[in-house]
Amino acid sequence: NEVIFLKEEDLLHNKEVKDKGILSAIIIAF
């Protein structure tokens, strides 16, 4: 369900991004 709803199309060129969620995803996945 998390994978299906994954949506990050304009993430890398959006200057308003404060957190990309990678660290949280790694901790929760482990």
PDB file of all heavy atoms in Angstrom:
ATOM      1  N   ASN A   1       0.831  -1.201   0.000  1.00  0.00           N
ATOM      2  CA  ASN A   1       0.000   0.000   0.000  1.00  0.00           C
ATOM      3  C   ASN A   1       0.870   1.258   0.000  1.00  0.00           C
ATOM      4  O   ASN A   1       0.580   2.231  -0.703  1.00  0.00           O
ATOM      5  CB  ASN A   1      -0.910  -0.014   1.225  1.00  0.00           C
ATOM      6  CG  ASN A   1      -1.684   1.278   1.388  1.00  0.00           C
ATOM      7  OD1 ASN A   1      -2.488   1.643   0.554  1.00  0.00           O
ATOM      8  ND2 ASN A   1      -1.422   1.988   2.479  1.00  0.00           N
ATOM      9  N   GLU A   2       1.956   1.236   0.768  1.00  0.00           N
ATOM     10  CA  GLU A   2       2.862   2.384   0.805  1.00  0.00           C
ATOM     11  C   GLU A   2       3.511   2.601  -0.560  1.00  0.00           C
ATOM     12  O   GLU A   2       3.655   3.733  -1.018  1.00  0.00           O
ATOM     13  CB  GLU A   2       3.939   2.169   1.869  1.00  0.00           C
ATOM     14  CG  GLU A   2       3.422   2.141   3.289  1.00  0.00           C
ATOM     15  CD  GLU A   2       2.767   3.453   3.688  1.00  0.00           C
ATOM     16  OE1 GLU A   2       3.307   4.532   3.318  1.00  0.00           O
ATOM     17  OE2 GLU A   2       1.733   3.415   4.357  1.00  0.00           O
ATOM     18  N   VAL A   3       3.889   1.514  -1.196  1.00  0.00           N
ATOM     19  CA  VAL A   3       4.546   1.611  -2.499  1.00  0.00           C
ATOM     20  C   VAL A   3       3.585   2.134  -3.567  1.00  0.00           C
ATOM     21  O   VAL A   3       3.945   2.974  -4.391  1.00  0.00           O
ATOM     22  CB  VAL A   3       5.111   0.234  -2.908  1.00  0.00           C
ATOM     23  CG1 VAL A   3       5.616   0.267  -4.349  1.00  0.00           C
ATOM     24  CG2 VAL A   3       6.227  -0.181  -1.958  1.00  0.00           C
ATOM     25  N   ILE A   4       2.348   1.637  -3.542  1.00  0.00           N
ATOM     26  CA  ILE A   4       1.351   2.040  -4.537  1.00  0.00           C
ATOM     27  C   ILE A   4       1.094   3.538  -4.493  1.00  0.00           C
ATOM     28  O   ILE A   4       0.935   4.200  -5.526  1.00  0.00           O
ATOM     29  CB  ILE A   4       0.033   1.268  -4.319  1.00  0.00           C
ATOM     30  CG1 ILE A   4       0.221  -0.203  -4.695  1.00  0.00           C
ATOM     31  CG2 ILE A   4      -1.111   1.879  -5.136  1.00  0.00           C
ATOM     32  CD1 ILE A   4      -0.924  -1.094  -4.292  1.00  0.00           C
ATOM     33  N   PHE A   5       1.077   4.109  -3.278  1.00  0.00           N
ATOM     34  CA  PHE A   5       0.753   5.523  -3.139  1.00  0.00           C
ATOM     35  C   PHE A   5       1.983   6.425  -3.174  1.00  0.00           C
ATOM     36  O   PHE A   5       1.874   7.620  -2.931  1.00  0.00           O
ATOM     37  CB  PHE A   5      -0.002   5.763  -1.826  1.00  0.00           C
ATOM     38  CG  PHE A   5      -1.466   5.412  -1.897  1.00  0.00           C
ATOM     39  CD1 PHE A   5      -1.926   4.211  -1.400  1.00  0.00           C
ATOM     40  CD2 PHE A   5      -2.381   6.292  -2.465  1.00  0.00           C
ATOM     41  CE1 PHE A   5      -3.278   3.882  -1.456  1.00  0.00           C
ATOM     42  CE2 PHE A   5      -3.719   5.979  -2.526  1.00  0.00           C
ATOM     43  CZ  PHE A   5      -4.167   4.770  -2.027  1.00  0.00           C
ATOM     44  N   LEU A   6       3.145   5.854  -3.461  1.00  0.00           N
ATOM     45  CA  LEU A   6       4.358   6.654  -3.487  1.00  0.00           C
ATOM     46  C   LEU A   6       4.287   7.676  -4.616  1.00  0.00           C
ATOM     47  O   LEU A   6       4.049   7.342  -5.763  1.00  0.00           O
ATOM     48  CB  LEU A   6       5.571   5.737  -3.686  1.00  0.00           C
ATOM     49  CG  LEU A   6       6.945   6.378  -3.509  1.00  0.00           C
ATOM     50  CD1 LEU A   6       7.098   6.915  -2.099  1.00  0.00           C
ATOM     51  CD2 LEU A   6       8.027   5.348  -3.787  1.00  0.00           C
ATOM     52  N   LYS A   7       4.481   8.955  -4.279  1.00  0.00           N
ATOM     53  CA  LYS A   7       4.367  10.029  -5.274  1.00  0.00           C
ATOM     54  C   LYS A   7       5.393  11.121  -4.956  1.00  0.00           C
ATOM     55  O   LYS A   7       5.252  11.846  -3.986  1.00  0.00           O
ATOM     56  CB  LYS A   7       2.965  10.631  -5.269  1.00  0.00           C
ATOM     57  CG  LYS A   7       2.778  11.767  -6.269  1.00  0.00           C
ATOM     58  CD  LYS A   7       1.387  12.362  -6.145  1.00  0.00           C
ATOM     59  CE  LYS A   7       1.264  13.239  -4.919  1.00  0.00           C
ATOM     60  NZ  LYS A   7       2.059  14.485  -5.037  1.00  0.00           N
ATOM     61  N   GLU A   8       6.425  11.208  -5.765  1.00  0.00           N
ATOM     62  CA  GLU A   8       7.471  12.190  -5.506  1.00  0.00           C
ATOM     63  C   GLU A   8       7.926  12.894  -6.789  1.00  0.00           C
ATOM     64  O   GLU A   8       9.094  13.200  -6.956  1.00  0.00           O
ATOM     65  CB  GLU A   8       8.678  11.507  -4.846  1.00  0.00           C
ATOM     66  CG  GLU A   8       8.366  10.812  -3.531  1.00  0.00           C
ATOM     67  CD  GLU A   8       7.961  11.778  -2.440  1.00  0.00           C
ATOM     68  OE1 GLU A   8       8.281  12.981  -2.547  1.00  0.00           O
ATOM     69  OE2 GLU A   8       7.301  11.349  -1.492  1.00  0.00           O
ATOM     70  N   GLU A   9       6.988  13.151  -7.698  1.00  0.00           N
ATOM     71  CA  GLU A   9       7.368  13.635  -9.022  1.00  0.00           C
ATOM     72  C   GLU A   9       8.198  14.921  -9.015  1.00  0.00           C
ATOM     73  O   GLU A   9       9.153  15.058  -9.753  1.00  0.00           O
ATOM     74  CB  GLU A   9       6.118  13.854  -9.887  1.00  0.00           C
ATOM     75  CG  GLU A   9       5.579  12.590 -10.527  1.00  0.00           C
ATOM     76  CD  GLU A   9       4.839  11.695  -9.558  1.00  0.00           C
ATOM     77  OE1 GLU A   9       4.634  12.130  -8.400  1.00  0.00           O
ATOM     78  OE2 GLU A   9       4.492  10.571  -9.931  1.00  0.00           O
ATOM     79  N   ASP A  10       7.811  15.874  -8.191  1.00  0.00           N
ATOM     80  CA  ASP A  10       8.526  17.153  -8.255  1.00  0.00           C
ATOM     81  C   ASP A  10       9.380  17.378  -7.025  1.00  0.00           C
ATOM     82  O   ASP A  10       9.741  18.488  -6.690  1.00  0.00           O
ATOM     83  CB  ASP A  10       7.532  18.313  -8.400  1.00  0.00           C
ATOM     84  CG  ASP A  10       6.591  18.428  -7.201  1.00  0.00           C
ATOM     85  OD1 ASP A  10       6.538  17.485  -6.394  1.00  0.00           O
ATOM     86  OD2 ASP A  10       5.922  19.461  -7.095  1.00  0.00           O
ATOM     87  N   LEU A  11       9.737  16.277  -6.349  1.00  0.00           N
ATOM     88  CA  LEU A  11      10.456  16.395  -5.091  1.00  0.00           C
ATOM     89  C   LEU A  11      11.812  17.068  -5.241  1.00  0.00           C
ATOM     90  O   LEU A  11      12.140  18.004  -4.528  1.00  0.00           O
ATOM     91  CB  LEU A  11      10.647  14.999  -4.484  1.00  0.00           C
ATOM     92  CG  LEU A  11      11.528  14.926  -3.240  1.00  0.00           C
ATOM     93  CD1 LEU A  11      10.888  15.702  -2.107  1.00  0.00           C
ATOM     94  CD2 LEU A  11      11.772  13.496  -2.836  1.00  0.00           C
ATOM     95  N   LEU A  12      12.624  16.613  -6.197  1.00  0.00           N
ATOM     96  CA  LEU A  12      14.017  17.010  -6.207  1.00  0.00           C
ATOM     97  C   LEU A  12      14.236  18.460  -6.639  1.00  0.00           C
ATOM     98  O   LEU A  12      15.258  19.042  -6.313  1.00  0.00           O
ATOM     99  CB  LEU A  12      14.810  16.072  -7.124  1.00  0.00           C
ATOM    100  CG  LEU A  12      14.845  14.618  -6.647  1.00  0.00           C
ATOM    101  CD1 LEU A  12      15.663  13.771  -7.612  1.00  0.00           C
ATOM    102  CD2 LEU A  12      15.415  14.511  -5.247  1.00  0.00           C
ATOM    103  N   HIS A  13      13.283  19.041  -7.362  1.00  0.00           N
ATOM    104  CA  HIS A  13      13.470  20.426  -7.757  1.00  0.00           C
ATOM    105  C   HIS A  13      12.502  21.356  -7.026  1.00  0.00           C
ATOM    106  O   HIS A  13      12.296  22.480  -7.434  1.00  0.00           O
ATOM    107  CB  HIS A  13      13.320  20.581  -9.279  1.00  0.00           C
ATOM    108  CG  HIS A  13      12.044  20.032  -9.826  1.00  0.00           C
ATOM    109  ND1 HIS A  13      11.932  18.744 -10.308  1.00  0.00           N
ATOM    110  CD2 HIS A  13      10.826  20.594  -9.961  1.00  0.00           C
ATOM    111  CE1 HIS A  13      10.697  18.544 -10.736  1.00  0.00           C
ATOM    112  NE2 HIS A  13      10.009  19.651 -10.536  1.00  0.00           N
ATOM    113  N   ASN A  14      11.923  20.885  -5.930  1.00  0.00           N
ATOM    114  CA  ASN A  14      11.040  21.716  -5.111  1.00  0.00           C
ATOM    115  C   ASN A  14      11.835  22.284  -3.940  1.00  0.00           C
ATOM    116  O   ASN A  14      12.281  21.554  -3.064  1.00  0.00           O
ATOM    117  CB  ASN A  14       9.864  20.885  -4.581  1.00  0.00           C
ATOM    118  CG  ASN A  14       8.815  21.751  -3.906  1.00  0.00           C
ATOM    119  OD1 ASN A  14       9.120  22.784  -3.328  1.00  0.00           O
ATOM    120  ND2 ASN A  14       7.576  21.309  -3.989  1.00  0.00           N
ATOM    121  N   LYS A  15      12.037  23.578  -3.919  1.00  0.00           N
ATOM    122  CA  LYS A  15      12.877  24.204  -2.899  1.00  0.00           C
ATOM    123  C   LYS A  15      12.229  24.219  -1.518  1.00  0.00           C
ATOM    124  O   LYS A  15      12.887  24.498  -0.521  1.00  0.00           O
ATOM    125  CB  LYS A  15      13.221  25.643  -3.322  1.00  0.00           C
ATOM    126  CG  LYS A  15      14.057  25.705  -4.590  1.00  0.00           C
ATOM    127  CD  LYS A  15      14.385  27.144  -4.949  1.00  0.00           C
ATOM    128  CE  LYS A  15      15.237  27.206  -6.206  1.00  0.00           C
ATOM    129  NZ  LYS A  15      15.566  28.599  -6.591  1.00  0.00           N
ATOM    130  N   GLU A  16      10.939  23.922  -1.440  1.00  0.00           N
ATOM    131  CA  GLU A  16      10.248  23.953  -0.167  1.00  0.00           C
ATOM    132  C   GLU A  16      10.363  22.635   0.609  1.00  0.00           C
ATOM    133  O   GLU A  16       9.870  22.515   1.698  1.00  0.00           O
ATOM    134  CB  GLU A  16       8.764  24.289  -0.373  1.00  0.00           C
ATOM    135  CG  GLU A  16       8.515  25.681  -0.927  1.00  0.00           C
ATOM    136  CD  GLU A  16       9.033  26.757   0.014  1.00  0.00           C
ATOM    137  OE1 GLU A  16       8.855  26.616   1.232  1.00  0.00           O
ATOM    138  OE2 GLU A  16       9.626  27.722  -0.473  1.00  0.00           O
ATOM    139  N   VAL A  17      11.032  21.650   0.019  1.00  0.00           N
ATOM    140  CA  VAL A  17      11.155  20.364   0.702  1.00  0.00           C
ATOM    141  C   VAL A  17      12.035  20.512   1.934  1.00  0.00           C
ATOM    142  O   VAL A  17      13.130  21.027   1.869  1.00  0.00           O
ATOM    143  CB  VAL A  17      11.750  19.306  -0.251  1.00  0.00           C
ATOM    144  CG1 VAL A  17      12.062  18.028   0.508  1.00  0.00           C
ATOM    145  CG2 VAL A  17      10.782  19.030  -1.375  1.00  0.00           C
ATOM    146  N   LYS A  18      11.536  20.031   3.087  1.00  0.00           N
ATOM    147  CA  LYS A  18      12.288  20.090   4.324  1.00  0.00           C
ATOM    148  C   LYS A  18      12.770  18.717   4.768  1.00  0.00           C
ATOM    149  O   LYS A  18      13.693  18.610   5.562  1.00  0.00           O
ATOM    150  CB  LYS A  18      11.414  20.696   5.435  1.00  0.00           C
ATOM    151  CG  LYS A  18      10.951  22.120   5.169  1.00  0.00           C
ATOM    152  CD  LYS A  18      12.111  23.083   5.115  1.00  0.00           C
ATOM    153  CE  LYS A  18      11.628  24.520   4.918  1.00  0.00           C
ATOM    154  NZ  LYS A  18      12.744  25.469   4.805  1.00  0.00           N
ATOM    155  N   ASP A  19      12.137  17.673   4.286  1.00  0.00           N
ATOM    156  CA  ASP A  19      12.481  16.319   4.720  1.00  0.00           C
ATOM    157  C   ASP A  19      12.053  15.361   3.619  1.00  0.00           C
ATOM    158  O   ASP A  19      10.904  15.366   3.210  1.00  0.00           O
ATOM    159  CB  ASP A  19      11.747  16.000   6.017  1.00  0.00           C
ATOM    160  CG  ASP A  19      12.058  14.608   6.533  1.00  0.00           C
ATOM    161  OD1 ASP A  19      11.678  13.625   5.900  1.00  0.00           O
ATOM    162  OD2 ASP A  19      12.682  14.540   7.598  1.00  0.00           O
ATOM    163  N   LYS A  20      12.968  14.526   3.134  1.00  0.00           N
ATOM    164  CA  LYS A  20      12.654  13.626   2.026  1.00  0.00           C
ATOM    165  C   LYS A  20      12.120  12.281   2.482  1.00  0.00           C
ATOM    166  O   LYS A  20      11.761  11.450   1.667  1.00  0.00           O
ATOM    167  CB  LYS A  20      13.893  13.429   1.150  1.00  0.00           C
ATOM    168  CG  LYS A  20      14.306  14.702   0.424  1.00  0.00           C
ATOM    169  CD  LYS A  20      15.468  14.446  -0.502  1.00  0.00           C
ATOM    170  CE  LYS A  20      15.868  15.722  -1.250  1.00  0.00           C
ATOM    171  NZ  LYS A  20      16.989  15.511  -2.171  1.00  0.00           N
ATOM    172  N   GLY A  21      12.083  12.033   3.781  1.00  0.00           N
ATOM    173  CA  GLY A  21      11.449  10.832   4.301  1.00  0.00           C
ATOM    174  C   GLY A  21      12.297   9.577   4.248  1.00  0.00           C
ATOM    175  O   GLY A  21      11.859   8.518   4.677  1.00  0.00           O
ATOM    176  N   ILE A  22      13.538   9.664   3.741  1.00  0.00           N
ATOM    177  CA  ILE A  22      14.377   8.478   3.614  1.00  0.00           C
ATOM    178  C   ILE A  22      14.717   7.888   4.983  1.00  0.00           C
ATOM    179  O   ILE A  22      14.573   6.686   5.205  1.00  0.00           O
ATOM    180  CB  ILE A  22      15.676   8.806   2.850  1.00  0.00           C
ATOM    181  CG1 ILE A  22      15.386   8.998   1.359  1.00  0.00           C
ATOM    182  CG2 ILE A  22      16.701   7.698   3.032  1.00  0.00           C
ATOM    183  CD1 ILE A  22      15.046   7.711   0.634  1.00  0.00           C
ATOM    184  N   LEU A  23      15.188   8.729   5.917  1.00  0.00           N
ATOM    185  CA  LEU A  23      15.594   8.229   7.229  1.00  0.00           C
ATOM    186  C   LEU A  23      14.427   7.582   7.956  1.00  0.00           C
ATOM    187  O   LEU A  23      14.560   6.482   8.525  1.00  0.00           O
ATOM    188  CB  LEU A  23      16.169   9.367   8.076  1.00  0.00           C
ATOM    189  CG  LEU A  23      16.623   8.972   9.488  1.00  0.00           C
ATOM    190  CD1 LEU A  23      17.714   7.901   9.424  1.00  0.00           C
ATOM    191  CD2 LEU A  23      17.145  10.201  10.239  1.00  0.00           C
ATOM    192  N   SER A  24      13.266   8.229   7.926  1.00  0.00           N
ATOM    193  CA  SER A  24      12.080   7.668   8.575  1.00  0.00           C
ATOM    194  C   SER A  24      11.715   6.324   7.955  1.00  0.00           C
ATOM    195  O   SER A  24      11.377   5.369   8.669  1.00  0.00           O
ATOM    196  CB  SER A  24      10.895   8.633   8.446  1.00  0.00           C
ATOM    197  OG  SER A  24      11.175   9.852   9.080  1.00  0.00           O
ATOM    198  N   ALA A  25      11.775   6.240   6.626  1.00  0.00           N
ATOM    199  CA  ALA A  25      11.429   4.998   5.934  1.00  0.00           C
ATOM    200  C   ALA A  25      12.388   3.874   6.316  1.00  0.00           C
ATOM    201  O   ALA A  25      11.964   2.731   6.544  1.00  0.00           O
ATOM    202  CB  ALA A  25      11.453   5.217   4.419  1.00  0.00           C
ATOM    203  N   ILE A  26      13.674   4.178   6.429  1.00  0.00           N
ATOM    204  CA  ILE A  26      14.663   3.165   6.785  1.00  0.00           C
ATOM    205  C   ILE A  26      14.421   2.647   8.193  1.00  0.00           C
ATOM    206  O   ILE A  26      14.440   1.429   8.442  1.00  0.00           O
ATOM    207  CB  ILE A  26      16.095   3.739   6.665  1.00  0.00           C
ATOM    208  CG1 ILE A  26      16.448   3.970   5.198  1.00  0.00           C
ATOM    209  CG2 ILE A  26      17.107   2.801   7.321  1.00  0.00           C
ATOM    210  CD1 ILE A  26      17.766   4.686   5.000  1.00  0.00           C
ATOM    211  N   ILE A  27      14.171   3.561   9.135  1.00  0.00           N
ATOM    212  CA  ILE A  27      13.939   3.162  10.530  1.00  0.00           C
ATOM    213  C   ILE A  27      12.697   2.296  10.644  1.00  0.00           C
ATOM    214  O   ILE A  27      12.707   1.236  11.287  1.00  0.00           O
ATOM    215  CB  ILE A  27      13.813   4.416  11.427  1.00  0.00           C
ATOM    216  CG1 ILE A  27      15.157   5.138  11.507  1.00  0.00           C
ATOM    217  CG2 ILE A  27      13.342   4.020  12.833  1.00  0.00           C
ATOM    218  CD1 ILE A  27      15.097   6.470  12.225  1.00  0.00           C
ATOM    219  N   ILE A  28      11.612   2.723  10.022  1.00  0.00           N
ATOM    220  CA  ILE A  28      10.353   1.976  10.101  1.00  0.00           C
ATOM    221  C   ILE A  28      10.482   0.627   9.403  1.00  0.00           C
ATOM    222  O   ILE A  28      10.004  -0.399   9.909  1.00  0.00           O
ATOM    223  CB  ILE A  28       9.205   2.799   9.494  1.00  0.00           C
ATOM    224  CG1 ILE A  28       8.917   4.022  10.370  1.00  0.00           C
ATOM    225  CG2 ILE A  28       7.946   1.949   9.350  1.00  0.00           C
ATOM    226  CD1 ILE A  28       7.920   4.998   9.787  1.00  0.00           C
ATOM    227  N   ALA A  29      11.162   0.593   8.237  1.00  0.00           N
ATOM    228  CA  ALA A  29      11.327  -0.661   7.500  1.00  0.00           C
ATOM    229  C   ALA A  29      12.127  -1.674   8.305  1.00  0.00           C
ATOM    230  O   ALA A  29      11.777  -2.865   8.364  1.00  0.00           O
ATOM    231  CB  ALA A  29      12.011  -0.390   6.159  1.00  0.00           C
ATOM    232  N   PHE A  30      13.204  -1.215   8.936  1.00  0.00           N
ATOM    233  CA  PHE A  30      14.000  -2.118   9.774  1.00  0.00           C
ATOM    234  C   PHE A  30      13.163  -2.636  10.936  1.00  0.00           C
ATOM    235  O   PHE A  30      13.207  -3.834  11.262  1.00  0.00           O
ATOM    236  CB  PHE A  30      15.233  -1.386  10.314  1.00  0.00           C
ATOM    237  CG  PHE A  30      15.997  -2.194  11.338  1.00  0.00           C
ATOM    238  CD1 PHE A  30      16.886  -3.181  10.935  1.00  0.00           C
ATOM    239  CD2 PHE A  30      15.810  -1.973  12.693  1.00  0.00           C
ATOM    240  CE1 PHE A  30      17.577  -3.941  11.875  1.00  0.00           C
ATOM    241  CE2 PHE A  30      16.490  -2.728  13.638  1.00  0.00           C
ATOM    242  CZ  PHE A  30      17.382  -3.711  13.228  1.00  0.00           C
TER     243      PHE A  30
END
